[in-house]
Amino acid sequence: MERLRKLCISLALILPCLQWTTCFNLDIDKPYVFSGPEGSYFGFSVDFFQPDAKQSNILIGAPKANTSSASTVVERGAVYTCPWQKSSDCTQVQFDNTDDRKNNEGLQMEFKSNQWFGATVRSHGEHILACAPLYQWSTYSVSEREPVGTCFLKKGQEVVEYSPCRSKANSPEGQGFCQAGFSIDFVKNNRVVVGGPGSFYWQGQLISDDISEIITRFNRQYYTPYSNQLTTKSASAQYDDSYLGYSVTVSDFNADGEDDYITGVPRGDKALGYVNIFNGRNMQSVLNFTGTQC
């Protein structure tokens, strides 16, 4: 009787946390196995890619891949596309194969080696967003390097760079250690969202921009302003080292027809961690909760 009572109590505590749980079967007898270059961390990130009703592929990130022997960039990273339910080989998706840019004086302005491109990858329709959160660029009159992170957005054959933290708000106090693209997702109203857990002395940050603006405003300059950007802001020092933006996903939590942003803050609340939900219309905090509140 006592054992039954404990079981009932346990179920009463666990079931509320499992109300959205679903189950599915995996075909362990006939798996599809894909492989990439040795030592490339092939499989670090994955997503489905369905640009139309006739195509169904898998995107696979390999953030330590060496993609070109002719380039000075070492371990640039790569994203591969692999056909779903077919035996043909994976092929590399072309994003960026340029060397590090230099300024008019010939000084190196960006550092793509070991940038971990492909650490995150997501797709939505014909769009693919892939990021290099450890990408660095020069600041303070080329005397320092900061890991602001950068991403590339691909639509068909068109590829544009998206680096929202490569801004004038440099230094650790600003977006200098942002690592934009550490987490990413697509939003249903034609937007993307990226997490930058290193902004503002590692308080962390979410940044969301309109896809059409990312494409039309791309100008190959270091700074690209966006007129419809949504971001979380810097807070007081007690929120330093919280890592907001470490993970991110979206859904309509308040039934207003707009996707809201949900992000993990793994070192917040004295390193206990919590999850924060931000309104999709204005990036204002709606709710935060910990695992003990599940």
Protein backbone atom coordinates (compact mmCIF):
# COMPACT_ATOMS: atom_id res chain seq x y z
CA MET A 1 0.00 0.00 0.00
CA GLU A 2 2.86 2.37 0.90
CA ARG A 3 4.57 1.60 -2.43
CA LEU A 4 1.36 2.37 -4.30
CA ARG A 5 0.96 5.64 -2.42
CA LYS A 6 4.51 6.72 -3.38
CA LEU A 7 3.84 5.77 -6.99
CA CYS A 8 0.69 7.91 -7.08
CA ILE A 9 2.54 10.87 -5.57
CA SER A 10 5.36 10.50 -8.10
CA LEU A 11 2.92 10.40 -11.01
CA ALA A 12 1.13 13.46 -9.69
CA LEU A 13 4.43 15.36 -9.73
CA ILE A 14 5.70 14.07 -13.07
CA LEU A 15 2.59 14.01 -15.29
CA PRO A 16 2.08 17.82 -15.40
CA CYS A 17 5.56 18.12 -16.90
CA LEU A 18 4.76 15.51 -19.55
CA GLN A 19 1.51 16.95 -20.82
CA TRP A 20 3.06 17.85 -24.18
CA THR A 21 5.09 14.66 -24.54
CA THR A 22 4.59 12.50 -27.65
CA CYS A 23 6.18 9.22 -28.65
CA PHE A 24 7.43 7.80 -31.92
CA ASN A 25 9.29 4.77 -33.18
CA LEU A 26 12.81 4.71 -34.63
CA ASP A 27 13.66 2.19 -37.33
CA ILE A 28 16.80 0.84 -35.70
CA ASP A 29 17.04 -2.08 -38.16
CA LYS A 30 17.42 0.05 -41.31
CA PRO A 31 18.98 3.38 -40.31
CA TYR A 32 20.29 5.89 -42.84
CA VAL A 33 23.91 6.64 -42.02
CA PHE A 34 25.72 9.70 -43.34
CA SER A 35 29.39 10.48 -42.86
CA GLY A 36 31.63 13.47 -43.50
CA PRO A 37 35.29 14.45 -43.42
CA GLU A 38 37.33 12.96 -40.60
CA GLY A 39 37.82 15.30 -37.67
CA SER A 40 35.26 17.80 -39.01
CA TYR A 41 32.72 17.27 -36.19
CA PHE A 42 30.26 16.24 -38.90
CA GLY A 43 26.83 16.00 -37.26
CA PHE A 44 27.39 18.73 -34.69
CA SER A 45 24.12 20.32 -35.91
CA VAL A 46 21.31 18.92 -38.07
CA ASP A 47 18.01 19.98 -39.59
CA PHE A 48 15.63 18.94 -42.34
CA PHE A 49 15.61 20.94 -45.58
CA GLN A 50 12.48 20.88 -47.75
CA PRO A 51 12.64 23.75 -50.27
CA ASP A 52 9.62 22.38 -52.15
CA ALA A 53 7.21 19.45 -52.18
CA LYS A 54 9.55 17.31 -54.29
CA GLN A 55 12.73 17.64 -52.24
CA SER A 56 13.56 16.39 -48.77
CA ASN A 57 17.13 16.58 -47.54
CA ILE A 58 19.04 16.72 -44.28
CA LEU A 59 21.38 19.59 -43.44
CA ILE A 60 24.42 18.62 -41.40
CA GLY A 61 26.93 21.00 -39.85
CA ALA A 62 30.65 20.21 -39.64
CA PRO A 63 32.17 23.19 -37.77
CA LYS A 64 35.81 22.01 -37.94
CA ALA A 65 35.85 21.08 -41.62
CA ASN A 66 38.67 22.28 -43.86
CA THR A 67 36.88 23.28 -47.04
CA SER A 68 39.59 24.63 -49.35
CA SER A 69 43.29 23.86 -49.62
CA ALA A 70 43.86 27.12 -51.51
CA SER A 71 42.48 29.35 -48.75
CA THR A 72 44.43 30.80 -45.86
CA VAL A 73 41.44 30.06 -43.60
CA VAL A 74 41.97 26.95 -41.46
CA GLU A 75 39.00 24.87 -40.32
CA ARG A 76 36.47 27.32 -41.73
CA GLY A 77 33.61 24.88 -41.09
CA ALA A 78 30.95 23.69 -43.50
CA VAL A 79 27.34 22.64 -43.98
CA TYR A 80 26.42 19.55 -46.01
CA THR A 81 23.15 18.45 -47.56
CA CYS A 82 22.34 14.74 -47.59
CA PRO A 83 19.40 13.20 -49.51
CA TRP A 84 16.72 11.76 -47.29
CA GLN A 85 16.01 8.05 -47.90
CA LYS A 86 18.58 7.80 -50.69
CA SER A 87 22.01 6.24 -50.82
CA SER A 88 23.84 9.04 -52.68
CA ASP A 89 26.64 10.99 -50.99
CA CYS A 90 26.35 14.24 -49.08
CA THR A 91 27.42 17.45 -50.85
CA GLN A 92 28.72 20.67 -49.37
CA VAL A 93 26.37 23.66 -49.43
CA GLN A 94 28.22 26.72 -50.70
CA PHE A 95 28.04 29.75 -48.41
CA ASP A 96 31.35 31.61 -48.17
CA ASN A 97 34.75 30.69 -49.55
CA THR A 98 36.48 34.08 -49.31
CA ASP A 99 39.62 34.79 -47.32
CA ASP A 100 39.82 37.17 -44.38
CA ARG A 101 39.15 40.77 -45.37
CA LYS A 102 41.74 43.51 -44.93
CA ASN A 103 41.36 47.27 -44.57
CA ASN A 104 42.82 49.91 -46.88
CA GLU A 105 46.14 49.72 -45.03
CA GLY A 106 46.39 45.98 -45.61
CA LEU A 107 45.68 45.04 -41.99
CA GLN A 108 43.57 41.95 -41.35
CA MET A 109 40.07 42.87 -40.17
CA GLU A 110 38.43 39.49 -39.69
CA PHE A 111 39.52 36.03 -38.59
CA LYS A 112 37.60 33.06 -40.01
CA SER A 113 39.98 30.28 -38.98
CA ASN A 114 38.42 28.05 -36.31
CA GLN A 115 35.22 30.09 -36.47
CA TRP A 116 32.99 27.00 -36.14
CA PHE A 117 30.81 27.73 -39.14
CA GLY A 118 28.06 25.10 -39.16
CA ALA A 119 27.86 24.91 -35.38
CA THR A 120 24.22 25.88 -35.87
CA VAL A 121 22.03 25.40 -38.94
CA ARG A 122 18.30 25.84 -39.52
CA SER A 123 16.05 25.88 -42.56
CA HIS A 124 12.60 27.18 -43.42
CA GLY A 125 11.25 26.59 -46.90
CA GLU A 126 13.95 27.62 -49.36
CA HIS A 127 15.92 29.56 -46.70
CA ILE A 128 18.95 28.17 -44.86
CA LEU A 129 20.60 29.99 -41.95
CA ALA A 130 24.01 28.75 -40.78
CA CYS A 131 26.32 30.43 -38.30
CA ALA A 132 29.90 30.67 -37.07
CA PRO A 133 29.64 31.80 -33.42
CA LEU A 134 33.44 31.96 -32.93
CA TYR A 135 34.08 34.28 -35.89
CA GLN A 136 36.27 37.23 -34.81
CA TRP A 137 36.92 40.69 -36.17
CA SER A 138 39.28 43.55 -35.33
CA THR A 139 38.22 46.43 -33.10
CA TYR A 140 39.85 49.40 -31.37
CA SER A 141 41.86 50.47 -34.41
CA VAL A 142 42.83 46.88 -35.22
CA SER A 143 44.51 46.35 -31.85
CA GLU A 144 42.13 43.68 -30.57
CA ARG A 145 40.00 40.80 -31.82
CA GLU A 146 36.49 40.11 -30.56
CA PRO A 147 34.36 36.97 -31.11
CA VAL A 148 31.19 38.66 -32.33
CA GLY A 149 30.07 35.67 -34.43
CA THR A 150 28.52 35.80 -37.88
CA CYS A 151 25.89 33.98 -39.95
CA PHE A 152 25.06 33.41 -43.61
CA LEU A 153 21.54 33.34 -45.01
CA LYS A 154 20.99 31.39 -48.22
CA LYS A 155 17.94 31.58 -50.51
CA GLY A 156 18.35 29.58 -53.68
CA GLN A 157 21.67 30.62 -55.17
CA GLU A 158 21.80 33.92 -53.27
CA VAL A 159 23.91 34.09 -50.10
CA VAL A 160 24.22 37.10 -47.79
CA GLU A 161 26.13 37.60 -44.57
CA TYR A 162 24.22 38.46 -41.39
CA SER A 163 26.38 39.64 -38.49
CA PRO A 164 24.17 41.68 -36.12
CA CYS A 165 26.79 41.85 -33.34
CA ARG A 166 29.54 43.19 -35.58
CA SER A 167 28.57 46.67 -34.55
CA LYS A 168 29.90 49.85 -33.02
CA ALA A 169 28.81 48.55 -29.60
CA ASN A 170 32.11 46.71 -29.21
CA SER A 171 33.99 45.74 -26.03
CA PRO A 172 32.80 43.14 -23.49
CA GLU A 173 30.37 45.72 -22.12
CA GLY A 174 28.59 45.80 -25.48
CA GLN A 175 28.43 43.14 -28.18
CA GLY A 176 32.16 42.44 -28.47
CA PHE A 177 31.89 38.89 -27.10
CA CYS A 178 28.37 38.28 -28.43
CA GLN A 179 29.04 35.04 -30.35
CA ALA A 180 25.96 35.64 -32.51
CA GLY A 181 24.57 32.44 -33.93
CA PHE A 182 25.29 30.29 -30.88
CA SER A 183 21.59 29.45 -31.21
CA ILE A 184 19.24 30.26 -34.10
CA ASP A 185 15.73 29.73 -35.40
CA PHE A 186 13.26 30.94 -38.02
CA VAL A 187 10.16 32.88 -36.99
CA LYS A 188 6.90 32.38 -38.88
CA ASN A 189 6.45 36.07 -39.79
CA ASN A 190 9.46 36.03 -42.13
CA ARG A 191 12.07 36.72 -39.46
CA VAL A 192 15.07 34.99 -37.92
CA VAL A 193 16.29 35.04 -34.34
CA VAL A 194 19.85 34.48 -33.14
CA GLY A 195 21.20 34.05 -29.64
CA GLY A 196 24.39 35.76 -28.52
CA PRO A 197 25.20 34.54 -25.00
CA GLY A 198 28.32 36.71 -24.68
CA SER A 199 26.80 40.19 -25.04
CA PHE A 200 26.90 42.67 -22.13
CA TYR A 201 29.51 40.88 -19.98
CA TRP A 202 27.91 37.54 -20.82
CA GLN A 203 24.43 38.57 -19.77
CA GLY A 204 23.49 37.37 -23.25
CA GLN A 205 21.13 38.64 -25.90
CA LEU A 206 18.47 37.68 -28.44
CA ILE A 207 18.37 39.49 -31.78
CA SER A 208 15.63 39.16 -34.40
CA ASP A 209 15.59 40.67 -37.89
CA ASP A 210 13.37 40.62 -40.95
CA ILE A 211 14.61 38.21 -43.63
CA SER A 212 13.83 40.58 -46.48
CA GLU A 213 15.89 43.32 -44.80
CA ILE A 214 18.82 40.99 -44.24
CA ILE A 215 18.84 40.28 -47.98
CA THR A 216 18.16 43.76 -49.36
CA ARG A 217 20.49 45.62 -46.97
CA PHE A 218 23.47 43.33 -47.48
CA ASN A 219 26.29 45.62 -48.65
CA ARG A 220 29.57 43.78 -47.88
CA GLN A 221 30.41 46.44 -45.29
CA TYR A 222 31.39 45.66 -41.71
CA TYR A 223 28.34 47.41 -40.25
CA THR A 224 24.83 46.76 -41.55
CA PRO A 225 21.98 48.63 -39.81
CA TYR A 226 18.47 47.16 -39.76
CA SER A 227 15.33 49.25 -39.29
CA ASN A 228 13.04 46.54 -37.96
CA GLN A 229 15.33 44.84 -35.45
CA LEU A 230 14.11 43.44 -32.13
CA THR A 231 16.65 42.84 -29.35
CA THR A 232 16.85 42.22 -25.66
CA LYS A 233 18.69 44.96 -23.78
CA SER A 234 21.53 45.19 -21.30
CA ALA A 235 20.49 44.79 -17.67
CA SER A 236 22.10 45.56 -14.31
CA ALA A 237 25.37 43.90 -13.26
CA GLN A 238 23.58 41.22 -11.22
CA TYR A 239 22.66 39.56 -14.54
CA ASP A 240 26.27 39.29 -15.77
CA ASP A 241 27.43 35.77 -16.74
CA SER A 242 23.88 34.50 -17.26
CA TYR A 243 24.30 33.34 -20.92
CA LEU A 244 20.86 34.37 -22.17
CA GLY A 245 20.57 33.15 -25.75
CA TYR A 246 22.43 29.90 -25.16
CA SER A 247 19.45 28.10 -26.73
CA VAL A 248 16.38 29.45 -28.51
CA THR A 249 13.14 28.33 -30.10
CA VAL A 250 9.85 30.00 -31.04
CA SER A 251 6.13 29.43 -30.69
CA ASP A 252 2.96 31.45 -30.12
CA PHE A 253 2.65 31.33 -26.34
CA ASN A 254 0.10 34.11 -25.85
CA ALA A 255 -2.24 33.28 -28.76
CA ASP A 256 -1.80 36.66 -30.48
CA GLY A 257 -0.86 35.14 -33.83
CA GLU A 258 2.85 36.02 -33.53
CA ASP A 259 5.69 33.69 -32.66
CA ASP A 260 7.22 34.45 -29.26
CA TYR A 261 10.83 33.75 -28.32
CA ILE A 262 11.84 31.24 -25.66
CA THR A 263 15.47 31.07 -24.61
CA GLY A 264 17.60 29.23 -22.13
CA VAL A 265 19.58 31.19 -19.52
CA PRO A 266 21.73 28.36 -18.10
CA ARG A 267 23.79 30.44 -15.64
CA GLY A 268 21.05 32.82 -14.54
CA ASP A 269 19.68 32.92 -11.00
CA LYS A 270 23.04 32.20 -9.34
CA ALA A 271 23.91 29.51 -11.93
CA LEU A 272 20.72 27.55 -11.22
CA GLY A 273 19.48 28.49 -14.70
CA TYR A 274 16.04 29.36 -16.01
CA VAL A 275 14.05 29.82 -19.21
CA ASN A 276 12.75 33.19 -20.41
CA ILE A 277 9.87 33.88 -22.81
CA PHE A 278 9.87 37.17 -24.75
CA ASN A 279 6.95 38.72 -26.58
CA GLY A 280 7.29 38.28 -30.35
CA ARG A 281 6.00 41.78 -31.09
CA ASN A 282 8.38 43.83 -28.93
CA MET A 283 10.92 41.47 -27.31
CA GLN A 284 9.64 42.31 -23.83
CA SER A 285 9.96 39.66 -21.13
CA VAL A 286 6.70 37.79 -20.56
CA LEU A 287 7.65 34.95 -18.22
CA ASN A 288 10.64 33.14 -16.81
CA PHE A 289 10.63 29.83 -14.99
CA THR A 290 12.96 27.20 -13.59
CA GLY A 291 12.86 23.42 -13.67
CA THR A 292 11.39 23.38 -10.17
CA GLN A 293 8.28 25.14 -11.52
CA CYS A 294 7.58 22.49 -14.18
